[in-house]
PDB file of all heavy atoms in Angstrom:
ATOM      1  N   ALA A   1       0.871  -4.956  -4.999  1.00  0.00           N
ATOM      2  CA  ALA A   1       2.182  -5.605  -4.766  1.00  0.00           C
ATOM      3  C   ALA A   1       2.271  -6.686  -5.840  1.00  0.00           C
ATOM      4  O   ALA A   1       3.430  -7.126  -6.289  1.00  0.00           O
ATOM      5  CB  ALA A   1       2.386  -6.177  -3.383  1.00  0.00           C
ATOM      6  N   LEU A   2       1.128  -7.383  -6.109  1.00  0.00           N
ATOM      7  CA  LEU A   2       1.201  -8.512  -7.117  1.00  0.00           C
ATOM      8  C   LEU A   2       1.454  -7.924  -8.482  1.00  0.00           C
ATOM      9  O   LEU A   2       1.969  -8.794  -9.362  1.00  0.00           O
ATOM     10  CB  LEU A   2      -0.141  -9.311  -7.180  1.00  0.00           C
ATOM     11  CG  LEU A   2      -0.503 -10.126  -6.019  1.00  0.00           C
ATOM     12  CD1 LEU A   2      -1.756 -10.925  -6.279  1.00  0.00           C
ATOM     13  CD2 LEU A   2       0.660 -11.043  -5.526  1.00  0.00           C
ATOM     14  N   ARG A   3       1.342  -6.713  -8.783  1.00  0.00           N
ATOM     15  CA  ARG A   3       1.677  -6.130 -10.045  1.00  0.00           C
ATOM     16  C   ARG A   3       3.046  -5.469 -10.059  1.00  0.00           C
ATOM     17  O   ARG A   3       3.399  -4.803 -10.990  1.00  0.00           O
ATOM     18  CB  ARG A   3       0.563  -5.061 -10.408  1.00  0.00           C
ATOM     19  CG  ARG A   3      -0.874  -5.685 -10.542  1.00  0.00           C
ATOM     20  CD  ARG A   3      -1.862  -4.668 -10.817  1.00  0.00           C
ATOM     21  NE  ARG A   3      -3.141  -5.295 -11.136  1.00  0.00           N
ATOM     22  CZ  ARG A   3      -4.280  -4.567 -11.281  1.00  0.00           C
ATOM     23  NH1 ARG A   3      -4.268  -3.233 -11.132  1.00  0.00           N
ATOM     24  NH2 ARG A   3      -5.424  -5.121 -11.578  1.00  0.00           N
ATOM     25  N   GLY A   4       3.756  -5.515  -8.928  1.00  0.00           N
ATOM     26  CA  GLY A   4       4.988  -4.831  -8.887  1.00  0.00           C
ATOM     27  C   GLY A   4       4.932  -3.402  -8.663  1.00  0.00           C
ATOM     28  O   GLY A   4       5.929  -2.685  -8.853  1.00  0.00           O
ATOM     29  N   ASP A   5       3.730  -2.877  -8.322  1.00  0.00           N
ATOM     30  CA  ASP A   5       3.523  -1.436  -8.134  1.00  0.00           C
ATOM     31  C   ASP A   5       3.157  -1.187  -6.654  1.00  0.00           C
ATOM     32  O   ASP A   5       2.117  -1.023  -6.343  1.00  0.00           O
ATOM     33  CB  ASP A   5       2.350  -0.966  -9.031  1.00  0.00           C
ATOM     34  CG  ASP A   5       2.163   0.510  -8.973  1.00  0.00           C
ATOM     35  OD1 ASP A   5       2.983   1.220  -8.421  1.00  0.00           O
ATOM     36  OD2 ASP A   5       1.073   0.933  -9.311  1.00  0.00           O
ATOM     37  N   PHE A   6       4.208  -1.186  -5.822  1.00  0.00           N
ATOM     38  CA  PHE A   6       3.964  -0.996  -4.373  1.00  0.00           C
ATOM     39  C   PHE A   6       5.219  -0.513  -3.773  1.00  0.00           C
ATOM     40  O   PHE A   6       6.276  -0.799  -4.077  1.00  0.00           O
ATOM     41  CB  PHE A   6       3.623  -2.306  -3.731  1.00  0.00           C
ATOM     42  CG  PHE A   6       3.349  -2.253  -2.262  1.00  0.00           C
ATOM     43  CD1 PHE A   6       2.178  -1.767  -1.790  1.00  0.00           C
ATOM     44  CD2 PHE A   6       4.306  -2.535  -1.356  1.00  0.00           C
ATOM     45  CE1 PHE A   6       1.927  -1.660  -0.492  1.00  0.00           C
ATOM     46  CE2 PHE A   6       4.104  -2.525   0.021  1.00  0.00           C
ATOM     47  CZ  PHE A   6       2.852  -2.052   0.449  1.00  0.00           C
ATOM     48  N   GLY A   7       4.915   0.451  -2.835  1.00  0.00           N
ATOM     49  CA  GLY A   7       6.076   0.932  -1.938  1.00  0.00           C
ATOM     50  C   GLY A   7       5.587   1.339  -0.601  1.00  0.00           C
ATOM     51  O   GLY A   7       4.300   1.531  -0.467  1.00  0.00           O
ATOM     52  N   LEU A   8       6.427   1.510   0.351  1.00  0.00           N
ATOM     53  CA  LEU A   8       6.032   1.830   1.696  1.00  0.00           C
ATOM     54  C   LEU A   8       5.508   3.321   1.747  1.00  0.00           C
ATOM     55  O   LEU A   8       4.902   3.682   2.705  1.00  0.00           O
ATOM     56  CB  LEU A   8       7.231   1.696   2.671  1.00  0.00           C
ATOM     57  CG  LEU A   8       7.675   0.174   2.866  1.00  0.00           C
ATOM     58  CD1 LEU A   8       8.820   0.152   3.763  1.00  0.00           C
ATOM     59  CD2 LEU A   8       6.569  -0.694   3.283  1.00  0.00           C
ATOM     60  N   LEU A   9       5.927   4.148   0.768  1.00  0.00           N
ATOM     61  CA  LEU A   9       5.412   5.432   0.599  1.00  0.00           C
ATOM     62  C   LEU A   9       4.492   5.429  -0.672  1.00  0.00           C
ATOM     63  O   LEU A   9       5.050   5.231  -1.792  1.00  0.00           O
ATOM     64  CB  LEU A   9       6.408   6.527   0.478  1.00  0.00           C
ATOM     65  CG  LEU A   9       5.909   7.946   0.251  1.00  0.00           C
ATOM     66  CD1 LEU A   9       5.350   8.470   1.480  1.00  0.00           C
ATOM     67  CD2 LEU A   9       7.127   8.833  -0.236  1.00  0.00           C
ATOM     68  N   THR A  10       3.141   5.505  -0.525  1.00  0.00           N
ATOM     69  CA  THR A  10       2.290   5.447  -1.653  1.00  0.00           C
ATOM     70  C   THR A  10       1.964   6.777  -2.174  1.00  0.00           C
ATOM     71  O   THR A  10       1.742   7.692  -1.419  1.00  0.00           O
ATOM     72  CB  THR A  10       1.023   4.604  -1.387  1.00  0.00           C
ATOM     73  OG1 THR A  10       0.172   4.534  -2.528  1.00  0.00           O
ATOM     74  CG2 THR A  10       0.266   5.157  -0.153  1.00  0.00           C
ATOM     75  N   ASP A  11       1.838   6.928  -3.515  1.00  0.00           N
ATOM     76  CA  ASP A  11       1.407   8.235  -4.078  1.00  0.00           C
ATOM     77  C   ASP A  11      -0.037   8.141  -4.455  1.00  0.00           C
ATOM     78  O   ASP A  11      -0.456   9.085  -5.298  1.00  0.00           O
ATOM     79  CB  ASP A  11       2.278   8.497  -5.317  1.00  0.00           C
ATOM     80  CG  ASP A  11       2.198   7.406  -6.425  1.00  0.00           C
ATOM     81  OD1 ASP A  11       1.429   6.406  -6.153  1.00  0.00           O
ATOM     82  OD2 ASP A  11       2.806   7.557  -7.492  1.00  0.00           O
ATOM     83  N   ARG A  12      -0.827   7.188  -4.011  1.00  0.00           N
ATOM     84  CA  ARG A  12      -2.283   7.013  -4.388  1.00  0.00           C
ATOM     85  C   ARG A  12      -3.218   7.772  -3.529  1.00  0.00           C
ATOM     86  O   ARG A  12      -4.394   7.708  -3.694  1.00  0.00           O
ATOM     87  CB  ARG A  12      -2.627   5.580  -4.449  1.00  0.00           C
ATOM     88  CG  ARG A  12      -1.706   4.743  -5.459  1.00  0.00           C
ATOM     89  CD  ARG A  12      -1.643   5.406  -6.801  1.00  0.00           C
ATOM     90  NE  ARG A  12      -0.483   4.971  -7.547  1.00  0.00           N
ATOM     91  CZ  ARG A  12      -0.598   4.027  -8.429  1.00  0.00           C
ATOM     92  NH1 ARG A  12      -1.668   3.365  -8.663  1.00  0.00           N
ATOM     93  NH2 ARG A  12       0.560   3.717  -9.185  1.00  0.00           N
ATOM     94  N   LEU A  13      -2.652   8.590  -2.563  1.00  0.00           N
ATOM     95  CA  LEU A  13      -3.422   9.506  -1.690  1.00  0.00           C
ATOM     96  C   LEU A  13      -2.584  10.590  -1.287  1.00  0.00           C
ATOM     97  O   LEU A  13      -1.344  10.492  -1.274  1.00  0.00           O
ATOM     98  CB  LEU A  13      -3.955   8.725  -0.479  1.00  0.00           C
ATOM     99  CG  LEU A  13      -5.106   9.265   0.329  1.00  0.00           C
ATOM    100  CD1 LEU A  13      -6.318   9.400  -0.537  1.00  0.00           C
ATOM    101  CD2 LEU A  13      -5.366   8.448   1.637  1.00  0.00           C
ATOM    102  N   ASN A  14      -3.114  11.738  -0.895  1.00  0.00           N
ATOM    103  CA  ASN A  14      -2.439  12.941  -0.470  1.00  0.00           C
ATOM    104  C   ASN A  14      -1.386  13.362  -1.494  1.00  0.00           C
ATOM    105  O   ASN A  14      -0.253  13.709  -1.143  1.00  0.00           O
ATOM    106  CB  ASN A  14      -1.689  12.613   0.801  1.00  0.00           C
ATOM    107  CG  ASN A  14      -1.166  13.888   1.544  1.00  0.00           C
ATOM    108  OD1 ASN A  14      -1.683  14.909   1.459  1.00  0.00           O
ATOM    109  ND2 ASN A  14       0.001  13.715   2.065  1.00  0.00           N
ATOM    110  N   ALA A  15      -1.834  13.396  -2.792  1.00  0.00           N
ATOM    111  CA  ALA A  15      -0.931  13.835  -3.822  1.00  0.00           C
ATOM    112  C   ALA A  15      -0.588  15.279  -3.603  1.00  0.00           C
ATOM    113  O   ALA A  15      -1.455  16.064  -3.214  1.00  0.00           O
ATOM    114  CB  ALA A  15      -1.550  13.600  -5.199  1.00  0.00           C
ATOM    115  N   PRO A  16       0.691  15.687  -3.747  1.00  0.00           N
ATOM    116  CA  PRO A  16       1.744  14.877  -4.314  1.00  0.00           C
ATOM    117  C   PRO A  16       2.729  14.232  -3.270  1.00  0.00           C
ATOM    118  O   PRO A  16       3.638  13.591  -3.534  1.00  0.00           O
ATOM    119  CB  PRO A  16       2.614  15.906  -5.141  1.00  0.00           C
ATOM    120  CG  PRO A  16       2.438  17.207  -4.328  1.00  0.00           C
ATOM    121  CD  PRO A  16       1.040  17.152  -3.719  1.00  0.00           C
ATOM    122  N   ASP A  17       2.399  14.671  -1.910  1.00  0.00           N
ATOM    123  CA  ASP A  17       3.293  14.223  -0.877  1.00  0.00           C
ATOM    124  C   ASP A  17       3.205  12.672  -0.549  1.00  0.00           C
ATOM    125  O   ASP A  17       4.215  12.050  -0.276  1.00  0.00           O
ATOM    126  CB  ASP A  17       2.949  14.909   0.472  1.00  0.00           C
ATOM    127  CG  ASP A  17       3.245  16.430   0.424  1.00  0.00           C
ATOM    128  OD1 ASP A  17       3.983  16.830  -0.544  1.00  0.00           O
ATOM    129  OD2 ASP A  17       2.578  17.098   1.184  1.00  0.00           O
ATOM    130  N   GLY A  18       2.063  12.113  -0.750  1.00  0.00           N
ATOM    131  CA  GLY A  18       1.868  10.647  -0.518  1.00  0.00           C
ATOM    132  C   GLY A  18       1.631  10.303   0.994  1.00  0.00           C
ATOM    133  O   GLY A  18       1.463  11.207   1.815  1.00  0.00           O
ATOM    134  N   VAL A  19       1.486   9.010   1.229  1.00  0.00           N
ATOM    135  CA  VAL A  19       1.145   8.551   2.604  1.00  0.00           C
ATOM    136  C   VAL A  19       2.162   7.458   2.947  1.00  0.00           C
ATOM    137  O   VAL A  19       2.496   6.541   2.172  1.00  0.00           O
ATOM    138  CB  VAL A  19      -0.224   7.896   2.619  1.00  0.00           C
ATOM    139  CG1 VAL A  19      -0.535   7.260   3.868  1.00  0.00           C
ATOM    140  CG2 VAL A  19      -1.283   9.017   2.370  1.00  0.00           C
ATOM    141  N   ASN A  20       2.742   7.565   4.200  1.00  0.00           N
ATOM    142  CA  ASN A  20       3.639   6.559   4.738  1.00  0.00           C
ATOM    143  C   ASN A  20       2.776   5.425   5.227  1.00  0.00           C
ATOM    144  O   ASN A  20       2.053   5.553   6.335  1.00  0.00           O
ATOM    145  CB  ASN A  20       4.467   7.190   5.739  1.00  0.00           C
ATOM    146  CG  ASN A  20       5.601   6.201   6.312  1.00  0.00           C
ATOM    147  OD1 ASN A  20       5.295   5.086   6.485  1.00  0.00           O
ATOM    148  ND2 ASN A  20       6.713   6.762   6.532  1.00  0.00           N
ATOM    149  N   LEU A  21       2.824   4.303   4.564  1.00  0.00           N
ATOM    150  CA  LEU A  21       1.832   3.085   4.948  1.00  0.00           C
ATOM    151  C   LEU A  21       2.254   2.583   6.313  1.00  0.00           C
ATOM    152  O   LEU A  21       1.297   2.173   7.020  1.00  0.00           O
ATOM    153  CB  LEU A  21       1.960   2.065   3.872  1.00  0.00           C
ATOM    154  CG  LEU A  21       1.378   2.347   2.505  1.00  0.00           C
ATOM    155  CD1 LEU A  21       1.479   1.223   1.592  1.00  0.00           C
ATOM    156  CD2 LEU A  21      -0.154   2.766   2.628  1.00  0.00           C
ATOM    157  N   LEU A  22       3.488   2.564   6.710  1.00  0.00           N
ATOM    158  CA  LEU A  22       3.827   2.066   8.017  1.00  0.00           C
ATOM    159  C   LEU A  22       3.527   3.027   9.145  1.00  0.00           C
ATOM    160  O   LEU A  22       3.300   2.552  10.279  1.00  0.00           O
ATOM    161  CB  LEU A  22       5.337   1.755   8.023  1.00  0.00           C
ATOM    162  CG  LEU A  22       5.729   0.507   7.287  1.00  0.00           C
ATOM    163  CD1 LEU A  22       7.273   0.320   7.326  1.00  0.00           C
ATOM    164  CD2 LEU A  22       5.040  -0.718   7.771  1.00  0.00           C
ATOM    165  N   ALA A  23       3.338   4.323   8.827  1.00  0.00           N
ATOM    166  CA  ALA A  23       2.908   5.226   9.824  1.00  0.00           C
ATOM    167  C   ALA A  23       1.416   5.110  10.054  1.00  0.00           C
ATOM    168  O   ALA A  23       0.890   5.729  10.966  1.00  0.00           O
ATOM    169  CB  ALA A  23       3.265   6.594   9.493  1.00  0.00           C
ATOM    170  N   ASN A  24       0.743   4.361   9.243  1.00  0.00           N
ATOM    171  CA  ASN A  24      -0.694   4.061   9.302  1.00  0.00           C
ATOM    172  C   ASN A  24      -0.915   2.572   9.562  1.00  0.00           C
ATOM    173  O   ASN A  24       0.016   1.842   9.255  1.00  0.00           O
ATOM    174  CB  ASN A  24      -1.400   4.538   7.985  1.00  0.00           C
ATOM    175  CG  ASN A  24      -1.475   5.991   7.796  1.00  0.00           C
ATOM    176  OD1 ASN A  24      -2.448   6.697   8.107  1.00  0.00           O
ATOM    177  ND2 ASN A  24      -0.355   6.649   7.261  1.00  0.00           N
ATOM    178  N   THR A  25      -2.091   2.228   9.985  1.00  0.00           N
ATOM    179  CA  THR A  25      -2.361   0.852  10.221  1.00  0.00           C
ATOM    180  C   THR A  25      -2.850   0.110   8.900  1.00  0.00           C
ATOM    181  O   THR A  25      -3.999  -0.229   8.798  1.00  0.00           O
ATOM    182  CB  THR A  25      -3.476   0.609  11.256  1.00  0.00           C
ATOM    183  OG1 THR A  25      -4.638   1.462  10.923  1.00  0.00           O
ATOM    184  CG2 THR A  25      -2.941   1.171  12.633  1.00  0.00           C
ATOM    185  N   SER A  26      -1.828  -0.042   8.033  1.00  0.00           N
ATOM    186  CA  SER A  26      -2.159  -0.402   6.607  1.00  0.00           C
ATOM    187  C   SER A  26      -2.335  -1.912   6.399  1.00  0.00           C
ATOM    188  O   SER A  26      -2.416  -2.263   5.252  1.00  0.00           O
ATOM    189  CB  SER A  26      -1.156   0.220   5.648  1.00  0.00           C
ATOM    190  OG  SER A  26       0.132  -0.075   6.134  1.00  0.00           O
ATOM    191  N   VAL A  27      -2.094  -2.729   7.437  1.00  0.00           N
ATOM    192  CA  VAL A  27      -2.269  -4.153   7.323  1.00  0.00           C
ATOM    193  C   VAL A  27      -1.631  -4.779   5.975  1.00  0.00           C
ATOM    194  O   VAL A  27      -2.343  -5.495   5.244  1.00  0.00           O
ATOM    195  CB  VAL A  27      -3.754  -4.671   7.419  1.00  0.00           C
ATOM    196  CG1 VAL A  27      -4.173  -4.441   8.874  1.00  0.00           C
ATOM    197  CG2 VAL A  27      -4.648  -3.968   6.403  1.00  0.00           C
ATOM    198  N   ILE A  28      -0.390  -4.445   5.780  1.00  0.00           N
ATOM    199  CA  ILE A  28       0.274  -4.716   4.427  1.00  0.00           C
ATOM    200  C   ILE A  28       0.230  -6.257   4.185  1.00  0.00           C
ATOM    201  O   ILE A  28      -0.007  -6.710   3.080  1.00  0.00           O
ATOM    202  CB  ILE A  28       1.683  -4.240   4.433  1.00  0.00           C
ATOM    203  CG1 ILE A  28       1.633  -2.640   4.392  1.00  0.00           C
ATOM    204  CG2 ILE A  28       2.401  -4.674   3.224  1.00  0.00           C
ATOM    205  CD1 ILE A  28       2.983  -1.983   4.549  1.00  0.00           C
ATOM    206  N   ALA A  29       0.550  -7.023   5.227  1.00  0.00           N
ATOM    207  CA  ALA A  29       0.685  -8.442   5.124  1.00  0.00           C
ATOM    208  C   ALA A  29      -0.738  -9.056   4.683  1.00  0.00           C
ATOM    209  O   ALA A  29      -0.783  -9.880   3.853  1.00  0.00           O
ATOM    210  CB  ALA A  29       1.204  -9.123   6.339  1.00  0.00           C
ATOM    211  N   LEU A  30      -1.763  -8.519   5.341  1.00  0.00           N
ATOM    212  CA  LEU A  30      -3.073  -9.038   5.031  1.00  0.00           C
ATOM    213  C   LEU A  30      -3.486  -8.716   3.626  1.00  0.00           C
ATOM    214  O   LEU A  30      -4.107  -9.391   2.870  1.00  0.00           O
ATOM    215  CB  LEU A  30      -4.143  -8.506   6.008  1.00  0.00           C
ATOM    216  CG  LEU A  30      -3.945  -8.813   7.446  1.00  0.00           C
ATOM    217  CD1 LEU A  30      -5.096  -8.210   8.256  1.00  0.00           C
ATOM    218  CD2 LEU A  30      -3.894 -10.362   7.636  1.00  0.00           C
ATOM    219  N   GLY A  31      -3.140  -7.392   3.151  1.00  0.00           N
ATOM    220  CA  GLY A  31      -3.409  -6.970   1.839  1.00  0.00           C
ATOM    221  C   GLY A  31      -2.795  -7.670   0.718  1.00  0.00           C
ATOM    222  O   GLY A  31      -3.290  -8.058  -0.213  1.00  0.00           O
ATOM    223  N   VAL A  32      -1.487  -8.131   1.055  1.00  0.00           N
ATOM    224  CA  VAL A  32      -0.778  -8.867   0.017  1.00  0.00           C
ATOM    225  C   VAL A  32      -1.321 -10.299   0.026  1.00  0.00           C
ATOM    226  O   VAL A  32      -1.434 -10.925  -1.089  1.00  0.00           O
ATOM    227  CB  VAL A  32       0.751  -8.816   0.351  1.00  0.00           C
ATOM    228  CG1 VAL A  32       1.450  -9.806  -0.574  1.00  0.00           C
ATOM    229  CG2 VAL A  32       1.291  -7.470   0.258  1.00  0.00           C
ATOM    230  N   LEU A  33      -1.536 -10.915   1.203  1.00  0.00           N
ATOM    231  CA  LEU A  33      -2.138 -12.252   1.272  1.00  0.00           C
ATOM    232  C   LEU A  33      -3.389 -12.274   0.457  1.00  0.00           C
ATOM    233  O   LEU A  33      -3.741 -13.301  -0.224  1.00  0.00           O
ATOM    234  CB  LEU A  33      -2.315 -12.623   2.684  1.00  0.00           C
ATOM    235  CG  LEU A  33      -2.907 -13.957   3.007  1.00  0.00           C
ATOM    236  CD1 LEU A  33      -1.958 -15.056   2.494  1.00  0.00           C
ATOM    237  CD2 LEU A  33      -3.144 -14.186   4.502  1.00  0.00           C
ATOM    238  N   PHE A  34      -4.280 -11.298   0.664  1.00  0.00           N
ATOM    239  CA  PHE A  34      -5.563 -11.345  -0.025  1.00  0.00           C
ATOM    240  C   PHE A  34      -5.649 -10.554  -1.286  1.00  0.00           C
ATOM    241  O   PHE A  34      -6.672 -10.355  -1.838  1.00  0.00           O
ATOM    242  CB  PHE A  34      -6.664 -10.759   0.877  1.00  0.00           C
ATOM    243  CG  PHE A  34      -7.209 -11.670   1.948  1.00  0.00           C
ATOM    244  CD1 PHE A  34      -6.432 -12.120   2.974  1.00  0.00           C
ATOM    245  CD2 PHE A  34      -8.458 -12.311   1.786  1.00  0.00           C
ATOM    246  CE1 PHE A  34      -6.942 -13.037   3.988  1.00  0.00           C
ATOM    247  CE2 PHE A  34      -8.979 -13.198   2.713  1.00  0.00           C
ATOM    248  CZ  PHE A  34      -8.192 -13.563   3.748  1.00  0.00           C
ATOM    249  N   ALA A  35      -4.502 -10.301  -1.837  1.00  0.00           N
ATOM    250  CA  ALA A  35      -4.402  -9.546  -3.142  1.00  0.00           C
ATOM    251  C   ALA A  35      -5.185 -10.244  -4.305  1.00  0.00           C
ATOM    252  O   ALA A  35      -5.854  -9.634  -4.976  1.00  0.00           O
ATOM    253  CB  ALA A  35      -2.991  -9.320  -3.471  1.00  0.00           C
ATOM    254  N   PRO A  36      -5.093 -11.533  -4.441  1.00  0.00           N
ATOM    255  CA  PRO A  36      -5.805 -12.189  -5.471  1.00  0.00           C
ATOM    256  C   PRO A  36      -7.278 -12.004  -5.378  1.00  0.00           C
ATOM    257  O   PRO A  36      -7.990 -11.737  -6.397  1.00  0.00           O
ATOM    258  CB  PRO A  36      -5.349 -13.722  -5.314  1.00  0.00           C
ATOM    259  CG  PRO A  36      -4.003 -13.654  -4.694  1.00  0.00           C
ATOM    260  CD  PRO A  36      -4.133 -12.528  -3.769  1.00  0.00           C
ATOM    261  N   VAL A  37      -7.850 -12.070  -4.115  1.00  0.00           N
ATOM    262  CA  VAL A  37      -9.224 -11.835  -3.877  1.00  0.00           C
ATOM    263  C   VAL A  37      -9.580 -10.426  -4.224  1.00  0.00           C
ATOM    264  O   VAL A  37     -10.607 -10.195  -4.872  1.00  0.00           O
ATOM    265  CB  VAL A  37      -9.587 -12.184  -2.485  1.00  0.00           C
ATOM    266  CG1 VAL A  37     -10.998 -11.926  -2.173  1.00  0.00           C
ATOM    267  CG2 VAL A  37      -9.293 -13.635  -2.152  1.00  0.00           C
ATOM    268  N   THR A  38      -8.755  -9.427  -3.800  1.00  0.00           N
ATOM    269  CA  THR A  38      -9.018  -8.055  -4.004  1.00  0.00           C
ATOM    270  C   THR A  38      -9.022  -7.807  -5.567  1.00  0.00           C
ATOM    271  O   THR A  38      -9.980  -7.040  -6.043  1.00  0.00           O
ATOM    272  CB  THR A  38      -7.956  -7.223  -3.327  1.00  0.00           C
ATOM    273  OG1 THR A  38      -7.970  -7.469  -1.927  1.00  0.00           O
ATOM    274  CG2 THR A  38      -8.319  -5.740  -3.466  1.00  0.00           C
TER     275      THR A  38
END
């Protein structure tokens, strides 16, 4: 998300259909908060 490359449907798994991040326990807020560390 810090690079502007983020969506609620990600194409980085299950190509080509993708993965719905909200249908999974994807801890989006934590991931964005710790993005600099990551």
